[in-house]
């Protein structure tokens, strides 16, 4: 792989892409642990109750 001189425009392109990727990562992380976390806990609790009811009936 031939080494190339890092130009100013290439450096800006790398920095912009890094910012975009980090923004997407933190957005998805926040979205995952934000509102959906409460809903997932509620669904998990309902599933656990259903399993306990089935085991109690047997």
Protein backbone atom coordinates (compact mmCIF):
# COMPACT_ATOMS: atom_id res chain seq x y z
CA UNK A 1 0.00 0.00 0.00
CA UNK A 2 1.56 3.24 -1.10
CA UNK A 3 1.68 6.03 1.44
CA UNK A 4 0.06 9.25 0.33
CA UNK A 5 0.46 12.74 1.68
CA UNK A 6 -2.40 13.73 3.94
CA UNK A 7 -3.95 16.76 2.34
CA UNK A 8 -6.09 19.33 4.11
CA UNK A 9 -9.24 18.25 2.26
CA UNK A 10 -8.64 14.58 3.07
CA UNK A 11 -8.15 15.43 6.75
CA UNK A 12 -11.42 17.39 6.77
CA UNK A 13 -13.17 14.47 5.08
CA UNK A 14 -11.88 12.04 7.72
CA UNK A 15 -12.94 14.32 10.57
CA UNK A 16 -16.42 14.85 9.10
CA UNK A 17 -16.94 11.10 8.65
CA UNK A 18 -15.75 10.47 12.20
CA UNK A 19 -18.24 13.03 13.53
CA UNK A 20 -21.07 11.47 11.52
CA UNK A 21 -20.27 7.96 12.75
CA UNK A 22 -19.94 9.05 16.38
CA UNK A 23 -23.20 10.98 16.17
CA UNK A 24 -25.01 7.95 14.77
CA UNK A 25 -23.52 5.71 17.47
CA UNK A 26 -24.48 7.97 20.37
CA UNK A 27 -27.94 8.63 18.91
CA UNK A 28 -28.70 4.92 18.63
CA UNK A 29 -27.28 4.26 22.09
CA UNK A 30 -29.41 7.00 23.62
CA UNK A 31 -32.46 5.82 21.71
CA UNK A 32 -31.92 2.24 22.91
CA UNK A 33 -31.53 3.13 26.58
CA UNK A 34 -34.09 5.94 26.54
CA UNK A 35 -37.78 5.30 26.08
CA UNK A 36 -37.54 1.73 24.84
CA UNK A 37 -35.87 0.53 28.04
CA UNK A 38 -39.01 1.10 30.11
CA UNK A 39 -41.19 -0.64 27.53
CA UNK A 40 -38.83 -3.63 27.36
CA UNK A 41 -38.86 -3.99 31.15
CA UNK A 42 -42.67 -3.95 31.13
CA UNK A 43 -42.80 -6.62 28.40
CA UNK A 44 -40.27 -8.73 30.29
CA UNK A 45 -42.33 -8.51 33.47
CA UNK A 46 -45.48 -9.63 31.63
CA UNK A 47 -43.62 -12.57 30.08
CA UNK A 48 -42.28 -13.58 33.50
CA UNK A 49 -45.81 -13.50 34.95
CA UNK A 50 -47.08 -15.69 32.11
CA UNK A 51 -44.31 -18.22 32.70
CA UNK A 52 -44.97 -18.29 36.45
CA UNK A 53 -48.70 -18.82 35.85
CA UNK A 54 -48.01 -21.72 33.48
CA UNK A 55 -45.66 -23.34 35.99
CA UNK A 56 -48.17 -22.90 38.81
CA UNK A 57 -50.90 -24.60 36.78
CA UNK A 58 -48.81 -27.73 36.23
